[in-house]
Amino acid sequence: MLVHRNINALPAFHHAVLTIGTFDGVHKGHQQLIARIRRLSEEIEGESVLITFDPHPRTVVSQEKKPVRLLSTIEEKITLLESLGVDHLVIAPFTREFSMLSARDYVEKFLVEKFHPSIIVIGYNHHFGHHRDGNLELLQSLSARYQFRVEEISKQMVDEIEVSSTRIRLALDDGDVSTASHLLGHPYSITGKVIKGNQLGRKFGYPTANIEPDDSAKLVPADGVYAIRIQLPQSDQWKNGVMSIGYRPTVNGTHHTIEAYVFEFDGNLYDQQIAVQFVQYIREERKFETVDLMVEEIRNDERLARQILTAG
């Protein structure tokens, strides 16, 4: 997959079959769309082109004070899309000026001038342009003039639940990483750098890696303990482990932390980049009366995590 970040220096695409969207999380609904553009590009001996935006459009145009919570950072998105066999990924900068493009200018000055598409594939109820005025009907009305055709993908259902980033976020807010991963079609993950902690875990026999997510907008699942898999730095190797997310109330913690204990590993991870896949929620965060009781529960967490990860 070729990644293009400069929309003013794009190659001449050959019979481009393109789709457009934020693709946050690259969930099962997105995957259906991507599979469709790949099939269509093969049929016309063209190239599949996916257009996404950075930053997320809502960070630029939304009037809400609530921050955007991303299911995938731009780098995570690149990795996921590459695994799906897209030919070209175009990361278009989303600016205030870009957001002011009328729907017609969006089609003519962006899609047609930059990509010269043969086919445009859009998801159910897709809107675009200033005030989201653009829709399927506008694309169809311009298709003959600019010699492209338009396809719309219908709603995709997964176990009678509509796949959407909103539903996945709700599952993660409940700590239900199993449901979130099922809806995504891949394990929910976090990538980040290992930073210095206060090394309390080491004192208790459980040295942990404190992870700072690459993007502060990345959605972190609900506080609690999870069975996880960790990809070691610059490696294809994945190790099993257990993660605690929260404030560590037993030791009077004041900062929200994301700590991973990696099974059968004693290396140094400080300042290293790691990826974590969430497998299953184990329990909520608790305050224990004594440190000994906390350590006993951590041992139990480890035992349960090993059972879960071995079974999986």
C-alpha atoms as a PDB file:
ATOM      1  CA  MET A   1       0.000   0.000   0.000  1.00  0.00           C
ATOM      2  CA  LEU A   2       1.291   3.438  -0.932  1.00  0.00           C
ATOM      3  CA  VAL A   3       0.607   6.234   1.551  1.00  0.00           C
ATOM      4  CA  HIS A   4       0.200   9.793   0.235  1.00  0.00           C
ATOM      5  CA  ARG A   5       0.155  12.766   2.606  1.00  0.00           C
ATOM      6  CA  ASN A   6       0.527  15.601   0.084  1.00  0.00           C
ATOM      7  CA  ILE A   7      -2.663  16.003  -1.946  1.00  0.00           C
ATOM      8  CA  ASN A   8      -0.873  18.389  -4.290  1.00  0.00           C
ATOM      9  CA  ALA A   9       1.640  15.738  -5.323  1.00  0.00           C
ATOM     10  CA  LEU A  10      -0.541  12.733  -6.048  1.00  0.00           C
ATOM     11  CA  PRO A  11       0.299  10.235  -8.786  1.00  0.00           C
ATOM     12  CA  ALA A  12      -1.899   9.760 -11.836  1.00  0.00           C
ATOM     13  CA  PHE A  13      -4.164   6.996 -10.580  1.00  0.00           C
ATOM     14  CA  HIS A  14      -5.131   4.323 -13.097  1.00  0.00           C
ATOM     15  CA  HIS A  15      -8.925   3.868 -13.167  1.00  0.00           C
ATOM     16  CA  ALA A  16      -9.248   4.903  -9.532  1.00  0.00           C
ATOM     17  CA  VAL A  17     -11.957   3.219  -7.498  1.00  0.00           C
ATOM     18  CA  LEU A  18     -12.188   5.383  -4.434  1.00  0.00           C
ATOM     19  CA  THR A  19     -13.990   5.691  -1.155  1.00  0.00           C
ATOM     20  CA  ILE A  20     -13.875   8.503   1.377  1.00  0.00           C
ATOM     21  CA  GLY A  21     -14.281   8.720   5.136  1.00  0.00           C
ATOM     22  CA  THR A  22     -12.655   8.993   8.541  1.00  0.00           C
ATOM     23  CA  PHE A  23     -12.540   5.190   8.926  1.00  0.00           C
ATOM     24  CA  ASP A  24     -12.025   5.571  12.675  1.00  0.00           C
ATOM     25  CA  GLY A  25     -11.383   2.114  14.058  1.00  0.00           C
ATOM     26  CA  VAL A  26     -11.528   0.486  10.590  1.00  0.00           C
ATOM     27  CA  HIS A  27     -14.472  -1.579  11.842  1.00  0.00           C
ATOM     28  CA  LYS A  28     -16.464  -4.292  10.055  1.00  0.00           C
ATOM     29  CA  GLY A  29     -18.650  -1.789   8.248  1.00  0.00           C
ATOM     30  CA  HIS A  30     -15.542  -0.064   6.891  1.00  0.00           C
ATOM     31  CA  GLN A  31     -14.111  -3.437   5.897  1.00  0.00           C
ATOM     32  CA  GLN A  32     -17.157  -4.181   3.732  1.00  0.00           C
ATOM     33  CA  LEU A  33     -16.633  -0.882   1.942  1.00  0.00           C
ATOM     34  CA  ILE A  34     -12.940  -1.604   1.419  1.00  0.00           C
ATOM     35  CA  ALA A  35     -13.627  -5.121   0.149  1.00  0.00           C
ATOM     36  CA  ARG A  36     -16.033  -3.632  -2.373  1.00  0.00           C
ATOM     37  CA  ILE A  37     -13.544  -1.097  -3.783  1.00  0.00           C
ATOM     38  CA  ARG A  38     -10.922  -3.820  -4.056  1.00  0.00           C
ATOM     39  CA  ARG A  39     -13.288  -6.079  -6.023  1.00  0.00           C
ATOM     40  CA  LEU A  40     -14.368  -3.231  -8.287  1.00  0.00           C
ATOM     41  CA  SER A  41     -10.774  -2.177  -8.963  1.00  0.00           C
ATOM     42  CA  GLU A  42      -9.910  -5.748  -9.951  1.00  0.00           C
ATOM     43  CA  GLU A  43     -12.919  -5.901 -12.279  1.00  0.00           C
ATOM     44  CA  ILE A  44     -11.871  -2.771 -14.196  1.00  0.00           C
ATOM     45  CA  GLU A  45      -8.120  -3.403 -13.806  1.00  0.00           C
ATOM     46  CA  GLY A  46      -7.779  -0.217 -11.807  1.00  0.00           C
ATOM     47  CA  GLU A  47      -6.484   0.842  -8.399  1.00  0.00           C
ATOM     48  CA  SER A  48      -8.252   1.012  -5.045  1.00  0.00           C
ATOM     49  CA  VAL A  49      -7.870   4.430  -3.413  1.00  0.00           C
ATOM     50  CA  LEU A  50      -8.998   5.248   0.107  1.00  0.00           C
ATOM     51  CA  ILE A  51      -9.188   8.885   1.220  1.00  0.00           C
ATOM     52  CA  THR A  52      -9.149   9.692   4.917  1.00  0.00           C
ATOM     53  CA  PHE A  53      -8.507  12.839   6.917  1.00  0.00           C
ATOM     54  CA  ASP A  54      -6.095  14.072   9.556  1.00  0.00           C
ATOM     55  CA  PRO A  55      -6.953  15.492  11.979  1.00  0.00           C
ATOM     56  CA  HIS A  56     -10.405  14.000  12.518  1.00  0.00           C
ATOM     57  CA  PRO A  57     -12.922  16.429  10.926  1.00  0.00           C
ATOM     58  CA  ARG A  58     -14.881  16.823  14.155  1.00  0.00           C
ATOM     59  CA  THR A  59     -11.854  18.388  15.838  1.00  0.00           C
ATOM     60  CA  VAL A  60     -12.063  21.178  13.253  1.00  0.00           C
ATOM     61  CA  VAL A  61     -15.790  21.737  12.702  1.00  0.00           C
ATOM     62  CA  SER A  62     -17.565  20.464  15.820  1.00  0.00           C
ATOM     63  CA  GLN A  63     -19.142  22.999  18.159  1.00  0.00           C
ATOM     64  CA  GLU A  64     -19.257  20.441  20.966  1.00  0.00           C
ATOM     65  CA  LYS A  65     -16.935  20.917  23.913  1.00  0.00           C
ATOM     66  CA  LYS A  66     -16.542  17.163  24.341  1.00  0.00           C
ATOM     67  CA  PRO A  67     -13.197  16.067  22.872  1.00  0.00           C
ATOM     68  CA  VAL A  68     -13.033  13.591  20.013  1.00  0.00           C
ATOM     69  CA  ARG A  69     -12.070  10.129  21.273  1.00  0.00           C
ATOM     70  CA  LEU A  70     -10.319   8.158  18.590  1.00  0.00           C
ATOM     71  CA  LEU A  71     -10.633   4.418  18.089  1.00  0.00           C
ATOM     72  CA  SER A  72      -7.496   4.492  15.947  1.00  0.00           C
ATOM     73  CA  THR A  73      -4.619   6.923  15.622  1.00  0.00           C
ATOM     74  CA  ILE A  74      -3.487   7.759  12.110  1.00  0.00           C
ATOM     75  CA  GLU A  75      -0.569   5.295  12.361  1.00  0.00           C
ATOM     76  CA  GLU A  76      -2.844   2.522  13.673  1.00  0.00           C
ATOM     77  CA  LYS A  77      -5.217   3.264  10.813  1.00  0.00           C
ATOM     78  CA  ILE A  78      -2.389   2.905   8.288  1.00  0.00           C
ATOM     79  CA  THR A  79      -1.449  -0.508   9.720  1.00  0.00           C
ATOM     80  CA  LEU A  80      -5.052  -1.748   9.662  1.00  0.00           C
ATOM     81  CA  LEU A  81      -5.715  -0.524   6.130  1.00  0.00           C
ATOM     82  CA  GLU A  82      -2.504  -2.039   4.805  1.00  0.00           C
ATOM     83  CA  SER A  83      -3.615  -5.426   6.140  1.00  0.00           C
ATOM     84  CA  LEU A  84      -6.824  -5.103   4.080  1.00  0.00           C
ATOM     85  CA  GLY A  85      -4.975  -4.768   0.783  1.00  0.00           C
ATOM     86  CA  VAL A  86      -5.748  -1.176  -0.203  1.00  0.00           C
ATOM     87  CA  ASP A  87      -3.553   0.031  -3.102  1.00  0.00           C
ATOM     88  CA  HIS A  88      -3.383   3.716  -2.128  1.00  0.00           C
ATOM     89  CA  LEU A  89      -4.136   5.536   1.110  1.00  0.00           C
ATOM     90  CA  VAL A  90      -4.449   9.315   0.806  1.00  0.00           C
ATOM     91  CA  ILE A  91      -4.310  11.230   4.099  1.00  0.00           C
ATOM     92  CA  ALA A  92      -5.804  14.623   3.319  1.00  0.00           C
ATOM     93  CA  PRO A  93      -5.225  17.443   5.818  1.00  0.00           C
ATOM     94  CA  PHE A  94      -8.593  18.548   7.178  1.00  0.00           C
ATOM     95  CA  THR A  95      -8.507  22.306   7.698  1.00  0.00           C
ATOM     96  CA  ARG A  96     -11.099  24.994   8.346  1.00  0.00           C
ATOM     97  CA  GLU A  97     -10.660  26.117   4.735  1.00  0.00           C
ATOM     98  CA  PHE A  98     -11.251  22.594   3.438  1.00  0.00           C
ATOM     99  CA  SER A  99     -14.370  22.280   5.597  1.00  0.00           C
ATOM    100  CA  MET A 100     -15.821  25.382   3.883  1.00  0.00           C
ATOM    101  CA  LEU A 101     -15.811  23.773   0.425  1.00  0.00           C
ATOM    102  CA  SER A 102     -19.317  23.544  -0.967  1.00  0.00           C
ATOM    103  CA  ALA A 103     -20.488  20.043  -1.739  1.00  0.00           C
ATOM    104  CA  ARG A 104     -20.178  20.702  -5.475  1.00  0.00           C
ATOM    105  CA  ASP A 105     -16.650  22.127  -5.138  1.00  0.00           C
ATOM    106  CA  TYR A 106     -15.745  19.125  -2.989  1.00  0.00           C
ATOM    107  CA  VAL A 107     -16.704  16.844  -5.863  1.00  0.00           C
ATOM    108  CA  GLU A 108     -15.268  18.938  -8.696  1.00  0.00           C
ATOM    109  CA  LYS A 109     -12.153  20.512  -7.167  1.00  0.00           C
ATOM    110  CA  PHE A 110     -11.173  17.722  -4.797  1.00  0.00           C
ATOM    111  CA  LEU A 111     -12.464  14.350  -5.969  1.00  0.00           C
ATOM    112  CA  VAL A 112     -12.443  14.934  -9.734  1.00  0.00           C
ATOM    113  CA  GLU A 113      -9.380  17.198 -10.124  1.00  0.00           C
ATOM    114  CA  LYS A 114      -7.164  15.251  -7.724  1.00  0.00           C
ATOM    115  CA  PHE A 115      -8.252  11.659  -8.371  1.00  0.00           C
ATOM    116  CA  HIS A 116     -10.103  11.437 -11.726  1.00  0.00           C
ATOM    117  CA  PRO A 117     -12.162   8.528 -10.356  1.00  0.00           C
ATOM    118  CA  SER A 118     -13.740   5.815 -12.447  1.00  0.00           C
ATOM    119  CA  ILE A 119     -15.937   4.671  -9.556  1.00  0.00           C
ATOM    120  CA  ILE A 120     -16.825   6.302  -6.232  1.00  0.00           C
ATOM    121  CA  VAL A 121     -18.091   3.963  -3.527  1.00  0.00           C
ATOM    122  CA  ILE A 122     -19.811   5.536  -0.531  1.00  0.00           C
ATOM    123  CA  GLY A 123     -21.299   4.171   2.649  1.00  0.00           C
ATOM    124  CA  TYR A 124     -24.949   4.295   3.603  1.00  0.00           C
ATOM    125  CA  ASN A 125     -26.139   7.862   4.281  1.00  0.00           C
ATOM    126  CA  HIS A 126     -22.763   9.427   3.416  1.00  0.00           C
ATOM    127  CA  HIS A 127     -22.707  13.249   3.432  1.00  0.00           C
ATOM    128  CA  PHE A 128     -19.917  15.665   2.510  1.00  0.00           C
ATOM    129  CA  GLY A 129     -19.089  19.314   1.858  1.00  0.00           C
ATOM    130  CA  HIS A 130     -19.964  22.460   3.825  1.00  0.00           C
ATOM    131  CA  HIS A 131     -22.898  21.793   6.164  1.00  0.00           C
ATOM    132  CA  ARG A 132     -22.757  18.189   4.897  1.00  0.00           C
ATOM    133  CA  ASP A 133     -24.962  19.218   1.977  1.00  0.00           C
ATOM    134  CA  GLY A 134     -23.512  16.659  -0.422  1.00  0.00           C
ATOM    135  CA  ASN A 135     -25.069  13.216  -0.783  1.00  0.00           C
ATOM    136  CA  LEU A 136     -25.604  10.295  -3.143  1.00  0.00           C
ATOM    137  CA  GLU A 137     -27.974  12.297  -5.350  1.00  0.00           C
ATOM    138  CA  LEU A 138     -25.408  15.064  -5.946  1.00  0.00           C
ATOM    139  CA  LEU A 139     -22.736  12.547  -6.918  1.00  0.00           C
ATOM    140  CA  GLN A 140     -25.137  10.831  -9.299  1.00  0.00           C
ATOM    141  CA  SER A 141     -26.102  14.166 -10.883  1.00  0.00           C
ATOM    142  CA  LEU A 142     -22.430  14.902 -11.671  1.00  0.00           C
ATOM    143  CA  SER A 143     -21.397  11.386 -12.650  1.00  0.00           C
ATOM    144  CA  ALA A 144     -22.173  11.637 -16.381  1.00  0.00           C
ATOM    145  CA  ARG A 145     -20.334  14.959 -16.799  1.00  0.00           C
ATOM    146  CA  TYR A 146     -17.170  13.671 -15.138  1.00  0.00           C
ATOM    147  CA  GLN A 147     -17.450  10.082 -16.331  1.00  0.00           C
ATOM    148  CA  PHE A 148     -17.539   8.234 -13.048  1.00  0.00           C
ATOM    149  CA  ARG A 149     -20.122   5.960 -11.585  1.00  0.00           C
ATOM    150  CA  VAL A 150     -21.379   5.862  -8.012  1.00  0.00           C
ATOM    151  CA  GLU A 151     -22.148   2.917  -5.752  1.00  0.00           C
ATOM    152  CA  GLU A 152     -23.725   3.032  -2.315  1.00  0.00           C
ATOM    153  CA  ILE A 153     -23.174   0.257   0.227  1.00  0.00           C
ATOM    154  CA  SER A 154     -26.212  -0.539   2.387  1.00  0.00           C
ATOM    155  CA  LYS A 155     -26.132  -0.753   6.182  1.00  0.00           C
ATOM    156  CA  GLN A 156     -24.092  -3.666   7.467  1.00  0.00           C
ATOM    157  CA  MET A 157     -25.392  -5.614  10.424  1.00  0.00           C
ATOM    158  CA  VAL A 158     -23.284  -7.682  12.806  1.00  0.00           C
ATOM    159  CA  ASP A 159     -25.245  -9.986  15.119  1.00  0.00           C
ATOM    160  CA  GLU A 160     -28.234  -7.656  14.812  1.00  0.00           C
ATOM    161  CA  ILE A 161     -26.178  -4.719  16.102  1.00  0.00           C
ATOM    162  CA  GLU A 162     -25.478  -1.871  13.740  1.00  0.00           C
ATOM    163  CA  VAL A 163     -21.766  -1.480  13.381  1.00  0.00           C
ATOM    164  CA  SER A 164     -20.755   2.049  14.248  1.00  0.00           C
ATOM    165  CA  SER A 165     -17.924   3.775  16.019  1.00  0.00           C
ATOM    166  CA  THR A 166     -20.445   5.044  18.583  1.00  0.00           C
ATOM    167  CA  ARG A 167     -21.490   1.536  19.615  1.00  0.00           C
ATOM    168  CA  ILE A 168     -17.874   0.436  19.853  1.00  0.00           C
ATOM    169  CA  ARG A 169     -17.072   3.436  22.056  1.00  0.00           C
ATOM    170  CA  LEU A 170     -19.966   2.557  24.363  1.00  0.00           C
ATOM    171  CA  ALA A 171     -18.615  -0.988  24.727  1.00  0.00           C
ATOM    172  CA  LEU A 172     -15.132   0.322  25.540  1.00  0.00           C
ATOM    173  CA  ASP A 173     -16.555   2.771  28.080  1.00  0.00           C
ATOM    174  CA  ASP A 174     -18.052  -0.271  29.827  1.00  0.00           C
ATOM    175  CA  GLY A 175     -14.751  -2.146  29.640  1.00  0.00           C
ATOM    176  CA  ASP A 176     -16.360  -4.642  27.273  1.00  0.00           C
ATOM    177  CA  VAL A 177     -13.323  -5.053  25.042  1.00  0.00           C
ATOM    178  CA  SER A 178     -14.577  -8.430  23.784  1.00  0.00           C
ATOM    179  CA  THR A 179     -17.696  -6.889  22.224  1.00  0.00           C
ATOM    180  CA  ALA A 180     -15.701  -3.921  20.914  1.00  0.00           C
ATOM    181  CA  SER A 181     -13.187  -6.228  19.235  1.00  0.00           C
ATOM    182  CA  HIS A 182     -16.005  -8.339  17.763  1.00  0.00           C
ATOM    183  CA  LEU A 183     -17.638  -5.267  16.249  1.00  0.00           C
ATOM    184  CA  LEU A 184     -14.300  -3.949  15.004  1.00  0.00           C
ATOM    185  CA  GLY A 185     -13.331  -7.243  13.409  1.00  0.00           C
ATOM    186  CA  HIS A 186      -9.909  -7.033  15.071  1.00  0.00           C
ATOM    187  CA  PRO A 187      -8.596  -6.634  18.636  1.00  0.00           C
ATOM    188  CA  TYR A 188      -8.906  -3.154  20.098  1.00  0.00           C
ATOM    189  CA  SER A 189      -5.407  -1.838  20.665  1.00  0.00           C
ATOM    190  CA  ILE A 190      -3.357   1.037  22.013  1.00  0.00           C
ATOM    191  CA  THR A 191       0.104   2.053  20.857  1.00  0.00           C
ATOM    192  CA  GLY A 192       2.384   4.261  22.877  1.00  0.00           C
ATOM    193  CA  LYS A 193       5.706   4.896  24.517  1.00  0.00           C
ATOM    194  CA  VAL A 194       6.770   3.303  27.807  1.00  0.00           C
ATOM    195  CA  ILE A 195       7.469   6.089  30.293  1.00  0.00           C
ATOM    196  CA  LYS A 196       9.053   6.155  33.745  1.00  0.00           C
ATOM    197  CA  GLY A 197       6.692   5.358  36.602  1.00  0.00           C
ATOM    198  CA  ASN A 198       7.284   5.239  40.344  1.00  0.00           C
ATOM    199  CA  GLN A 199       8.330   1.567  40.061  1.00  0.00           C
ATOM    200  CA  LEU A 200       5.965   0.423  42.810  1.00  0.00           C
ATOM    201  CA  GLY A 201       5.070  -2.674  40.805  1.00  0.00           C
ATOM    202  CA  ARG A 202       8.705  -3.778  40.826  1.00  0.00           C
ATOM    203  CA  LYS A 203       8.746  -3.622  44.638  1.00  0.00           C
ATOM    204  CA  PHE A 204       5.789  -6.009  44.737  1.00  0.00           C
ATOM    205  CA  GLY A 205       7.305  -8.446  42.240  1.00  0.00           C
ATOM    206  CA  TYR A 206       5.262  -7.188  39.303  1.00  0.00           C
ATOM    207  CA  PRO A 207       7.337  -4.740  37.234  1.00  0.00           C
ATOM    208  CA  THR A 208       5.026  -2.871  34.908  1.00  0.00           C
ATOM    209  CA  ALA A 209       5.424  -0.810  31.761  1.00  0.00           C
ATOM    210  CA  ASN A 210       3.673   2.548  32.067  1.00  0.00           C
ATOM    211  CA  ILE A 211       2.250   3.420  28.665  1.00  0.00           C
ATOM    212  CA  GLU A 212       1.589   6.891  27.312  1.00  0.00           C
ATOM    213  CA  PRO A 213      -0.674   6.627  24.231  1.00  0.00           C
ATOM    214  CA  ASP A 214       0.706   8.162  21.034  1.00  0.00           C
ATOM    215  CA  ASP A 215      -2.345  10.390  20.671  1.00  0.00           C
ATOM    216  CA  SER A 216      -3.986  12.049  23.678  1.00  0.00           C
ATOM    217  CA  ALA A 217      -7.337  11.723  21.868  1.00  0.00           C
ATOM    218  CA  LYS A 218      -7.057   7.922  21.799  1.00  0.00           C
ATOM    219  CA  LEU A 219      -9.927   6.243  23.648  1.00  0.00           C
ATOM    220  CA  VAL A 220      -8.674   4.284  26.654  1.00  0.00           C
ATOM    221  CA  PRO A 221     -11.078   1.561  27.859  1.00  0.00           C
ATOM    222  CA  ALA A 222     -12.784   1.814  31.244  1.00  0.00           C
ATOM    223  CA  ASP A 223     -10.660   1.625  34.378  1.00  0.00           C
ATOM    224  CA  GLY A 224     -10.038  -1.941  35.439  1.00  0.00           C
ATOM    225  CA  VAL A 225      -7.861  -4.986  34.850  1.00  0.00           C
ATOM    226  CA  TYR A 226      -7.553  -6.714  31.467  1.00  0.00           C
ATOM    227  CA  ALA A 227      -5.949  -9.749  29.866  1.00  0.00           C
ATOM    228  CA  ILE A 228      -3.781  -8.393  27.040  1.00  0.00           C
ATOM    229  CA  ARG A 229      -1.189  -9.180  24.402  1.00  0.00           C
ATOM    230  CA  ILE A 230       1.829  -6.910  23.957  1.00  0.00           C
ATOM    231  CA  GLN A 231       3.941  -6.479  20.849  1.00  0.00           C
ATOM    232  CA  LEU A 232       7.541  -5.956  21.870  1.00  0.00           C
ATOM    233  CA  PRO A 233       9.498  -3.046  20.341  1.00  0.00           C
ATOM    234  CA  GLN A 234      10.634  -3.478  16.733  1.00  0.00           C
ATOM    235  CA  SER A 235       9.438  -7.063  16.744  1.00  0.00           C
ATOM    236  CA  ASP A 236       6.671  -9.260  15.377  1.00  0.00           C
ATOM    237  CA  GLN A 237       6.675 -11.115  18.684  1.00  0.00           C
ATOM    238  CA  TRP A 238       3.596 -10.857  20.902  1.00  0.00           C
ATOM    239  CA  LYS A 239       3.742 -11.645  24.620  1.00  0.00           C
ATOM    240  CA  ASN A 240       0.872 -12.306  27.002  1.00  0.00           C
ATOM    241  CA  GLY A 241       0.240 -10.050  29.961  1.00  0.00           C
ATOM    242  CA  VAL A 242      -2.184  -8.250  32.220  1.00  0.00           C
ATOM    243  CA  MET A 243      -3.005  -4.541  32.273  1.00  0.00           C
ATOM    244  CA  SER A 244      -4.318  -2.226  34.963  1.00  0.00           C
ATOM    245  CA  ILE A 245      -5.950   1.074  34.046  1.00  0.00           C
ATOM    246  CA  GLY A 246      -6.843   3.588  36.730  1.00  0.00           C
ATOM    247  CA  TYR A 247      -5.615   5.626  39.682  1.00  0.00           C
ATOM    248  CA  ARG A 248      -4.131   2.865  41.914  1.00  0.00           C
ATOM    249  CA  PRO A 249      -6.250   3.833  44.960  1.00  0.00           C
ATOM    250  CA  THR A 250      -4.573   1.307  47.293  1.00  0.00           C
ATOM    251  CA  VAL A 251      -1.292   3.238  47.081  1.00  0.00           C
ATOM    252  CA  ASN A 252      -3.025   6.650  47.006  1.00  0.00           C
ATOM    253  CA  GLY A 253      -2.319   7.250  43.339  1.00  0.00           C
ATOM    254  CA  THR A 254      -3.293  10.645  41.951  1.00  0.00           C
ATOM    255  CA  HIS A 255      -2.552  10.204  38.234  1.00  0.00           C
ATOM    256  CA  HIS A 256      -4.426   8.073  35.736  1.00  0.00           C
ATOM    257  CA  THR A 257      -2.088   5.320  34.569  1.00  0.00           C
ATOM    258  CA  ILE A 258      -2.015   2.541  31.989  1.00  0.00           C
ATOM    259  CA  GLU A 259       0.284  -0.205  33.290  1.00  0.00           C
ATOM    260  CA  ALA A 260       1.142  -3.504  31.626  1.00  0.00           C
ATOM    261  CA  TYR A 261       2.793  -6.502  33.256  1.00  0.00           C
ATOM    262  CA  VAL A 262       4.387  -8.719  30.603  1.00  0.00           C
ATOM    263  CA  PHE A 263       4.602 -12.420  31.399  1.00  0.00           C
ATOM    264  CA  GLU A 264       8.031 -14.086  31.105  1.00  0.00           C
ATOM    265  CA  PHE A 265       9.823 -10.856  30.280  1.00  0.00           C
ATOM    266  CA  ASP A 266      12.548  -9.035  32.203  1.00  0.00           C
ATOM    267  CA  GLY A 267      13.909  -6.636  29.584  1.00  0.00           C
ATOM    268  CA  ASN A 268      13.997  -2.850  29.677  1.00  0.00           C
ATOM    269  CA  LEU A 269      11.126  -1.183  27.813  1.00  0.00           C
ATOM    270  CA  TYR A 270      11.681   2.443  28.857  1.00  0.00           C
ATOM    271  CA  ASP A 271      11.349   4.913  25.972  1.00  0.00           C
ATOM    272  CA  GLN A 272      10.352   2.043  23.694  1.00  0.00           C
ATOM    273  CA  GLN A 273       7.274   1.963  21.474  1.00  0.00           C
ATOM    274  CA  ILE A 274       4.866  -0.904  22.159  1.00  0.00           C
ATOM    275  CA  ALA A 275       1.422  -1.999  21.014  1.00  0.00           C
ATOM    276  CA  VAL A 276      -1.169  -3.566  23.305  1.00  0.00           C
ATOM    277  CA  GLN A 277      -4.169  -5.643  22.231  1.00  0.00           C
ATOM    278  CA  PHE A 278      -7.034  -5.950  24.708  1.00  0.00           C
ATOM    279  CA  VAL A 279      -8.376  -9.491  24.964  1.00  0.00           C
ATOM    280  CA  GLN A 280     -10.792  -9.596  27.906  1.00  0.00           C
ATOM    281  CA  TYR A 281     -11.936  -7.562  30.904  1.00  0.00           C
ATOM    282  CA  ILE A 282     -11.126  -9.241  34.242  1.00  0.00           C
ATOM    283  CA  ARG A 283     -12.356  -6.930  37.005  1.00  0.00           C
ATOM    284  CA  GLU A 284     -12.927  -3.340  38.068  1.00  0.00           C
ATOM    285  CA  GLU A 285     -10.303  -1.273  39.863  1.00  0.00           C
ATOM    286  CA  ARG A 286     -10.518  -1.643  43.646  1.00  0.00           C
ATOM    287  CA  LYS A 287      -9.031  -0.122  46.757  1.00  0.00           C
ATOM    288  CA  PHE A 288      -7.659  -2.807  49.070  1.00  0.00           C
ATOM    289  CA  GLU A 289      -7.231  -2.436  52.815  1.00  0.00           C
ATOM    290  CA  THR A 290      -3.603  -3.528  52.669  1.00  0.00           C
ATOM    291  CA  VAL A 291      -0.866  -3.836  50.069  1.00  0.00           C
ATOM    292  CA  ASP A 292      -0.654  -7.571  50.814  1.00  0.00           C
ATOM    293  CA  LEU A 293      -4.304  -8.012  49.831  1.00  0.00           C
ATOM    294  CA  MET A 294      -3.640  -6.050  46.653  1.00  0.00           C
ATOM    295  CA  VAL A 295      -0.665  -8.255  45.727  1.00  0.00           C
ATOM    296  CA  GLU A 296      -2.757 -11.358  46.399  1.00  0.00           C
ATOM    297  CA  GLU A 297      -5.405 -10.057  44.011  1.00  0.00           C
ATOM    298  CA  ILE A 298      -2.753  -9.239  41.391  1.00  0.00           C
ATOM    299  CA  ARG A 299      -1.620 -12.879  41.562  1.00  0.00           C
ATOM    300  CA  ASN A 300      -5.217 -13.900  40.976  1.00  0.00           C
ATOM    301  CA  ASP A 301      -5.447 -11.477  38.040  1.00  0.00           C
ATOM    302  CA  GLU A 302      -2.341 -13.048  36.537  1.00  0.00           C
ATOM    303  CA  ARG A 303      -3.759 -16.547  36.943  1.00  0.00           C
ATOM    304  CA  LEU A 304      -7.059 -15.568  35.300  1.00  0.00           C
ATOM    305  CA  ALA A 305      -5.285 -13.728  32.487  1.00  0.00           C
ATOM    306  CA  ARG A 306      -3.116 -16.760  31.746  1.00  0.00           C
ATOM    307  CA  GLN A 307      -6.221 -18.959  31.565  1.00  0.00           C
ATOM    308  CA  ILE A 308      -7.993 -16.526  29.239  1.00  0.00           C
ATOM    309  CA  LEU A 309      -4.996 -16.076  26.951  1.00  0.00           C
ATOM    310  CA  THR A 310      -4.196 -19.783  26.802  1.00  0.00           C
ATOM    311  CA  ALA A 311      -7.810 -20.585  25.930  1.00  0.00           C
ATOM    312  CA  GLY A 312      -7.847 -17.846  23.284  1.00  0.00           C
END
